[in-house]
């Protein structure tokens, strides 16, 4: 179940809402003023990689090579 970002067209409050399906998105109301005139905002995300970006694949590939070299 995705969480979407919305903005109320009446009071301009930004909020997030857990929406189960596309039909439920049409029933979202503003938690500040209770208005139903809201628009779904474009949401972005970032991914953060941890650890080293280099792979030590050459060492493990040699260990799996025929003959073990």
PDB file of N, CA and C in Angstrom:
ATOM      1  N   UNK A   1       0.840  -1.172   0.000  1.00  0.00           N
ATOM      2  CA  UNK A   1       0.000   0.000   0.000  1.00  0.00           C
ATOM      3  C   UNK A   1       0.893   1.246   0.000  1.00  0.00           C
ATOM      4  N   UNK A   2       0.822   1.995  -1.051  1.00  0.00           N
ATOM      5  CA  UNK A   2       1.696   3.167  -1.146  1.00  0.00           C
ATOM      6  C   UNK A   2       1.181   4.361  -0.352  1.00  0.00           C
ATOM      7  N   UNK A   3       2.117   5.167   0.089  1.00  0.00           N
ATOM      8  CA  UNK A   3       1.797   6.429   0.734  1.00  0.00           C
ATOM      9  C   UNK A   3       1.997   7.521  -0.298  1.00  0.00           C
ATOM     10  N   UNK A   4       0.970   8.321  -0.527  1.00  0.00           N
ATOM     11  CA  UNK A   4       1.029   9.405  -1.505  1.00  0.00           C
ATOM     12  C   UNK A   4       1.062  10.740  -0.793  1.00  0.00           C
ATOM     13  N   UNK A   5       1.667  11.717  -1.453  1.00  0.00           N
ATOM     14  CA  UNK A   5       1.677  13.081  -0.949  1.00  0.00           C
ATOM     15  C   UNK A   5       0.568  13.862  -1.648  1.00  0.00           C
ATOM     16  N   UNK A   6      -0.164  14.660  -0.874  1.00  0.00           N
ATOM     17  CA  UNK A   6      -1.253  15.460  -1.401  1.00  0.00           C
ATOM     18  C   UNK A   6      -1.101  16.909  -0.957  1.00  0.00           C
ATOM     19  N   UNK A   7      -1.776  17.809  -1.671  1.00  0.00           N
ATOM     20  CA  UNK A   7      -1.896  19.197  -1.261  1.00  0.00           C
ATOM     21  C   UNK A   7      -3.360  19.579  -1.344  1.00  0.00           C
ATOM     22  N   UNK A   8      -3.858  20.223  -0.297  1.00  0.00           N
ATOM     23  CA  UNK A   8      -5.241  20.682  -0.279  1.00  0.00           C
ATOM     24  C   UNK A   8      -5.356  21.946  -1.117  1.00  0.00           C
ATOM     25  N   UNK A   9      -6.329  21.980  -2.027  1.00  0.00           N
ATOM     26  CA  UNK A   9      -6.548  23.158  -2.870  1.00  0.00           C
ATOM     27  C   UNK A   9      -7.213  24.293  -2.097  1.00  0.00           C
ATOM     28  N   UNK A  10      -7.814  23.996  -0.939  1.00  0.00           N
ATOM     29  CA  UNK A  10      -8.521  25.013  -0.168  1.00  0.00           C
ATOM     30  C   UNK A  10      -7.601  25.719   0.837  1.00  0.00           C
ATOM     31  N   UNK A  11      -6.887  24.942   1.654  1.00  0.00           N
ATOM     32  CA  UNK A  11      -6.048  25.554   2.697  1.00  0.00           C
ATOM     33  C   UNK A  11      -4.547  25.409   2.415  1.00  0.00           C
ATOM     34  N   UNK A  12      -4.207  24.756   1.318  1.00  0.00           N
ATOM     35  CA  UNK A  12      -2.820  24.576   0.854  1.00  0.00           C
ATOM     36  C   UNK A  12      -1.950  23.797   1.841  1.00  0.00           C
ATOM     37  N   UNK A  13      -2.541  22.903   2.596  1.00  0.00           N
ATOM     38  CA  UNK A  13      -1.810  22.038   3.509  1.00  0.00           C
ATOM     39  C   UNK A  13      -1.237  20.856   2.742  1.00  0.00           C
ATOM     40  N   UNK A  14       0.028  20.541   2.977  1.00  0.00           N
ATOM     41  CA  UNK A  14       0.651  19.336   2.426  1.00  0.00           C
ATOM     42  C   UNK A  14       0.488  18.218   3.443  1.00  0.00           C
ATOM     43  N   UNK A  15       0.127  17.018   2.960  1.00  0.00           N
ATOM     44  CA  UNK A  15      -0.030  15.879   3.858  1.00  0.00           C
ATOM     45  C   UNK A  15       0.188  14.588   3.087  1.00  0.00           C
ATOM     46  N   UNK A  16       0.392  13.513   3.833  1.00  0.00           N
ATOM     47  CA  UNK A  16       0.575  12.183   3.257  1.00  0.00           C
ATOM     48  C   UNK A  16      -0.615  11.323   3.632  1.00  0.00           C
ATOM     49  N   UNK A  17      -0.954  10.409   2.739  1.00  0.00           N
ATOM     50  CA  UNK A  17      -2.104   9.532   2.982  1.00  0.00           C
ATOM     51  C   UNK A  17      -1.786   8.140   2.447  1.00  0.00           C
ATOM     52  N   UNK A  18      -2.110   7.124   3.228  1.00  0.00           N
ATOM     53  CA  UNK A  18      -1.978   5.741   2.796  1.00  0.00           C
ATOM     54  C   UNK A  18      -3.182   5.422   1.919  1.00  0.00           C
ATOM     55  N   UNK A  19      -2.939   5.065   0.656  1.00  0.00           N
ATOM     56  CA  UNK A  19      -4.019   4.836  -0.304  1.00  0.00           C
ATOM     57  C   UNK A  19      -3.945   3.391  -0.778  1.00  0.00           C
ATOM     58  N   UNK A  20      -5.024   2.664  -0.595  1.00  0.00           N
ATOM     59  CA  UNK A  20      -5.051   1.247  -0.942  1.00  0.00           C
ATOM     60  C   UNK A  20      -5.193   1.004  -2.446  1.00  0.00           C
ATOM     61  N   UNK A  21      -5.969   1.825  -3.139  1.00  0.00           N
ATOM     62  CA  UNK A  21      -6.151   1.647  -4.580  1.00  0.00           C
ATOM     63  C   UNK A  21      -6.523   2.992  -5.207  1.00  0.00           C
ATOM     64  N   UNK A  22      -6.674   3.020  -6.520  1.00  0.00           N
ATOM     65  CA  UNK A  22      -6.940   4.280  -7.218  1.00  0.00           C
ATOM     66  C   UNK A  22      -8.314   4.860  -6.863  1.00  0.00           C
ATOM     67  N   UNK A  23      -9.280   4.015  -6.544  1.00  0.00           N
ATOM     68  CA  UNK A  23     -10.599   4.516  -6.137  1.00  0.00           C
ATOM     69  C   UNK A  23     -10.514   5.264  -4.810  1.00  0.00           C
ATOM     70  N   UNK A  24      -9.707   4.776  -3.893  1.00  0.00           N
ATOM     71  CA  UNK A  24      -9.561   5.419  -2.588  1.00  0.00           C
ATOM     72  C   UNK A  24      -8.883   6.776  -2.712  1.00  0.00           C
ATOM     73  N   UNK A  25      -8.053   6.968  -3.723  1.00  0.00           N
ATOM     74  CA  UNK A  25      -7.376   8.256  -3.919  1.00  0.00           C
ATOM     75  C   UNK A  25      -8.384   9.370  -4.172  1.00  0.00           C
ATOM     76  N   UNK A  26      -9.510   9.061  -4.767  1.00  0.00           N
ATOM     77  CA  UNK A  26     -10.551  10.047  -5.012  1.00  0.00           C
ATOM     78  C   UNK A  26     -11.343  10.418  -3.774  1.00  0.00           C
ATOM     79  N   UNK A  27     -11.181   9.667  -2.688  1.00  0.00           N
ATOM     80  CA  UNK A  27     -11.927   9.914  -1.455  1.00  0.00           C
ATOM     81  C   UNK A  27     -11.065  10.533  -0.355  1.00  0.00           C
ATOM     82  N   UNK A  28      -9.847  10.941  -0.709  1.00  0.00           N
ATOM     83  CA  UNK A  28      -8.937  11.515   0.280  1.00  0.00           C
ATOM     84  C   UNK A  28      -9.430  12.896   0.685  1.00  0.00           C
ATOM     85  N   UNK A  29      -9.373  13.183   1.988  1.00  0.00           N
ATOM     86  CA  UNK A  29      -9.752  14.512   2.453  1.00  0.00           C
ATOM     87  C   UNK A  29      -8.618  15.111   3.275  1.00  0.00           C
ATOM     88  N   UNK A  30      -8.568  16.410   3.296  1.00  0.00           N
ATOM     89  CA  UNK A  30      -7.536  17.155   4.000  1.00  0.00           C
ATOM     90  C   UNK A  30      -7.689  16.981   5.507  1.00  0.00           C
ATOM     91  N   UNK A  31      -6.620  16.619   6.210  1.00  0.00           N
ATOM     92  CA  UNK A  31      -6.726  16.469   7.666  1.00  0.00           C
ATOM     93  C   UNK A  31      -6.838  17.804   8.394  1.00  0.00           C
ATOM     94  N   UNK A  32      -6.504  18.897   7.716  1.00  0.00           N
ATOM     95  CA  UNK A  32      -6.549  20.221   8.345  1.00  0.00           C
ATOM     96  C   UNK A  32      -7.943  20.845   8.270  1.00  0.00           C
ATOM     97  N   UNK A  33      -8.516  20.904   7.052  1.00  0.00           N
ATOM     98  CA  UNK A  33      -9.807  21.585   6.886  1.00  0.00           C
ATOM     99  C   UNK A  33     -10.949  20.633   6.520  1.00  0.00           C
ATOM    100  N   UNK A  34     -10.626  19.373   6.198  1.00  0.00           N
ATOM    101  CA  UNK A  34     -11.656  18.401   5.837  1.00  0.00           C
ATOM    102  C   UNK A  34     -12.120  18.495   4.398  1.00  0.00           C
ATOM    103  N   UNK A  35     -11.467  19.355   3.613  1.00  0.00           N
ATOM    104  CA  UNK A  35     -11.846  19.523   2.212  1.00  0.00           C
ATOM    105  C   UNK A  35     -11.488  18.320   1.358  1.00  0.00           C
ATOM    106  N   UNK A  36     -12.295  18.089   0.339  1.00  0.00           N
ATOM    107  CA  UNK A  36     -12.061  16.969  -0.575  1.00  0.00           C
ATOM    108  C   UNK A  36     -11.362  17.403  -1.862  1.00  0.00           C
ATOM    109  N   UNK A  37     -11.121  18.689  -2.018  1.00  0.00           N
ATOM    110  CA  UNK A  37     -10.442  19.183  -3.218  1.00  0.00           C
ATOM    111  C   UNK A  37      -8.944  19.149  -2.969  1.00  0.00           C
ATOM    112  N   UNK A  38      -8.368  17.977  -3.217  1.00  0.00           N
ATOM    113  CA  UNK A  38      -6.934  17.778  -3.006  1.00  0.00           C
ATOM    114  C   UNK A  38      -6.315  17.316  -4.316  1.00  0.00           C
ATOM    115  N   UNK A  39      -5.032  17.550  -4.454  1.00  0.00           N
ATOM    116  CA  UNK A  39      -4.327  17.053  -5.635  1.00  0.00           C
ATOM    117  C   UNK A  39      -3.142  16.222  -5.182  1.00  0.00           C
ATOM    118  N   UNK A  40      -2.906  15.146  -5.909  1.00  0.00           N
ATOM    119  CA  UNK A  40      -1.768  14.284  -5.612  1.00  0.00           C
ATOM    120  C   UNK A  40      -0.512  14.948  -6.147  1.00  0.00           C
ATOM    121  N   UNK A  41       0.483  15.057  -5.302  1.00  0.00           N
ATOM    122  CA  UNK A  41       1.737  15.680  -5.688  1.00  0.00           C
ATOM    123  C   UNK A  41       2.667  14.637  -6.300  1.00  0.00           C
ATOM    124  N   UNK A  42       3.598  15.105  -7.097  1.00  0.00           N
ATOM    125  CA  UNK A  42       4.613  14.224  -7.659  1.00  0.00           C
ATOM    126  C   UNK A  42       5.590  13.861  -6.558  1.00  0.00           C
ATOM    127  N   UNK A  43       5.681  12.607  -6.237  1.00  0.00           N
ATOM    128  CA  UNK A  43       6.568  12.147  -5.179  1.00  0.00           C
ATOM    129  C   UNK A  43       7.838  11.577  -5.781  1.00  0.00           C
ATOM    130  N   UNK A  44       8.924  11.848  -5.123  1.00  0.00           N
ATOM    131  CA  UNK A  44      10.207  11.279  -5.543  1.00  0.00           C
ATOM    132  C   UNK A  44      10.803  10.515  -4.383  1.00  0.00           C
ATOM    133  N   UNK A  45      11.752   9.688  -4.678  1.00  0.00           N
ATOM    134  CA  UNK A  45      12.431   8.962  -3.625  1.00  0.00           C
ATOM    135  C   UNK A  45      13.906   8.886  -3.966  1.00  0.00           C
ATOM    136  N   UNK A  46      14.706   8.605  -2.965  1.00  0.00           N
ATOM    137  CA  UNK A  46      16.128   8.407  -3.175  1.00  0.00           C
ATOM    138  C   UNK A  46      16.527   7.090  -2.550  1.00  0.00           C
ATOM    139  N   UNK A  47      17.559   6.537  -3.071  1.00  0.00           N
ATOM    140  CA  UNK A  47      18.105   5.305  -2.519  1.00  0.00           C
ATOM    141  C   UNK A  47      19.541   5.582  -2.110  1.00  0.00           C
ATOM    142  N   UNK A  48      19.910   5.108  -0.959  1.00  0.00           N
ATOM    143  CA  UNK A  48      21.258   5.323  -0.464  1.00  0.00           C
ATOM    144  C   UNK A  48      21.968   3.988  -0.364  1.00  0.00           C
ATOM    145  N   UNK A  49      23.081   3.902  -1.040  1.00  0.00           N
ATOM    146  CA  UNK A  49      23.871   2.678  -0.988  1.00  0.00           C
ATOM    147  C   UNK A  49      24.870   2.794   0.147  1.00  0.00           C
ATOM    148  N   UNK A  50      25.070   1.718   0.871  1.00  0.00           N
ATOM    149  CA  UNK A  50      26.044   1.721   1.953  1.00  0.00           C
ATOM    150  C   UNK A  50      27.187   0.796   1.591  1.00  0.00           C
ATOM    151  N   UNK A  51      28.322   1.027   2.188  1.00  0.00           N
ATOM    152  CA  UNK A  51      29.477   0.181   1.932  1.00  0.00           C
ATOM    153  C   UNK A  51      30.263   0.653   0.733  1.00  0.00           C
ATOM    154  N   UNK A  52      31.203  -0.157   0.341  1.00  0.00           N
ATOM    155  CA  UNK A  52      32.094   0.175  -0.757  1.00  0.00           C
ATOM    156  C   UNK A  52      31.395  -0.016  -2.089  1.00  0.00           C
ATOM    157  N   UNK A  53      31.682   0.863  -3.028  1.00  0.00           N
ATOM    158  CA  UNK A  53      31.088   0.725  -4.351  1.00  0.00           C
ATOM    159  C   UNK A  53      31.893  -0.216  -5.237  1.00  0.00           C
ATOM    160  N   UNK A  54      33.068  -0.594  -4.783  1.00  0.00           N
ATOM    161  CA  UNK A  54      33.894  -1.534  -5.552  1.00  0.00           C
ATOM    162  C   UNK A  54      33.514  -2.960  -5.212  1.00  0.00           C
ATOM    163  N   UNK A  55      33.582  -3.806  -6.193  1.00  0.00           N
ATOM    164  CA  UNK A  55      33.255  -5.204  -6.006  1.00  0.00           C
ATOM    165  C   UNK A  55      34.529  -6.008  -5.876  1.00  0.00           C
ATOM    166  N   UNK A  56      34.522  -6.986  -5.010  1.00  0.00           N
ATOM    167  CA  UNK A  56      35.669  -7.874  -4.883  1.00  0.00           C
ATOM    168  C   UNK A  56      35.388  -9.161  -5.640  1.00  0.00           C
ATOM    169  N   UNK A  57      34.679  -9.040  -6.752  1.00  0.00           N
ATOM    170  CA  UNK A  57      34.284 -10.192  -7.544  1.00  0.00           C
ATOM    171  C   UNK A  57      35.437 -10.956  -8.142  1.00  0.00           C
ATOM    172  N   UNK A  58      36.595 -10.325  -8.371  1.00  0.00           N
ATOM    173  CA  UNK A  58      37.719 -11.031  -8.986  1.00  0.00           C
ATOM    174  C   UNK A  58      38.287 -12.086  -8.051  1.00  0.00           C
ATOM    175  N   UNK A  59      38.334 -11.806  -6.766  1.00  0.00           N
ATOM    176  CA  UNK A  59      38.873 -12.778  -5.818  1.00  0.00           C
ATOM    177  C   UNK A  59      37.945 -13.982  -5.701  1.00  0.00           C
ATOM    178  N   UNK A  60      36.640 -13.740  -5.634  1.00  0.00           N
ATOM    179  CA  UNK A  60      35.721 -14.858  -5.487  1.00  0.00           C
ATOM    180  C   UNK A  60      35.592 -15.642  -6.787  1.00  0.00           C
ATOM    181  N   UNK A  61      35.736 -14.967  -7.934  1.00  0.00           N
ATOM    182  CA  UNK A  61      35.659 -15.668  -9.214  1.00  0.00           C
ATOM    183  C   UNK A  61      36.845 -16.616  -9.370  1.00  0.00           C
ATOM    184  N   UNK A  62      38.026 -16.212  -8.891  1.00  0.00           N
ATOM    185  CA  UNK A  62      39.209 -17.077  -8.997  1.00  0.00           C
ATOM    186  C   UNK A  62      39.046 -18.313  -8.133  1.00  0.00           C
ATOM    187  N   UNK A  63      38.434 -18.183  -6.972  1.00  0.00           N
ATOM    188  CA  UNK A  63      38.242 -19.321  -6.082  1.00  0.00           C
ATOM    189  C   UNK A  63      37.270 -20.330  -6.671  1.00  0.00           C
ATOM    190  N   UNK A  64      36.348 -19.867  -7.537  1.00  0.00           N
ATOM    191  CA  UNK A  64      35.378 -20.757  -8.144  1.00  0.00           C
ATOM    192  C   UNK A  64      35.844 -21.308  -9.487  1.00  0.00           C
ATOM    193  N   UNK A  65      36.986 -20.868  -9.961  1.00  0.00           N
ATOM    194  CA  UNK A  65      37.473 -21.303 -11.275  1.00  0.00           C
ATOM    195  C   UNK A  65      37.917 -22.756 -11.191  1.00  0.00           C
ATOM    196  N   UNK A  66      37.820 -23.470 -12.328  1.00  0.00           N
ATOM    197  CA  UNK A  66      38.303 -24.852 -12.335  1.00  0.00           C
ATOM    198  C   UNK A  66      39.785 -24.903 -11.927  1.00  0.00           C
ATOM    199  N   UNK A  67      40.109 -25.775 -11.031  1.00  0.00           N
ATOM    200  CA  UNK A  67      41.478 -25.894 -10.559  1.00  0.00           C
ATOM    201  C   UNK A  67      41.752 -25.011  -9.359  1.00  0.00           C
ATOM    202  N   UNK A  68      40.813 -24.138  -8.992  1.00  0.00           N
ATOM    203  CA  UNK A  68      40.957 -23.314  -7.799  1.00  0.00           C
ATOM    204  C   UNK A  68      41.950 -22.185  -7.909  1.00  0.00           C
ATOM    205  N   UNK A  69      42.325 -21.789  -9.126  1.00  0.00           N
ATOM    206  CA  UNK A  69      43.315 -20.709  -9.261  1.00  0.00           C
ATOM    207  C   UNK A  69      42.681 -19.421  -9.695  1.00  0.00           C
TER     208      UNK A  69
END
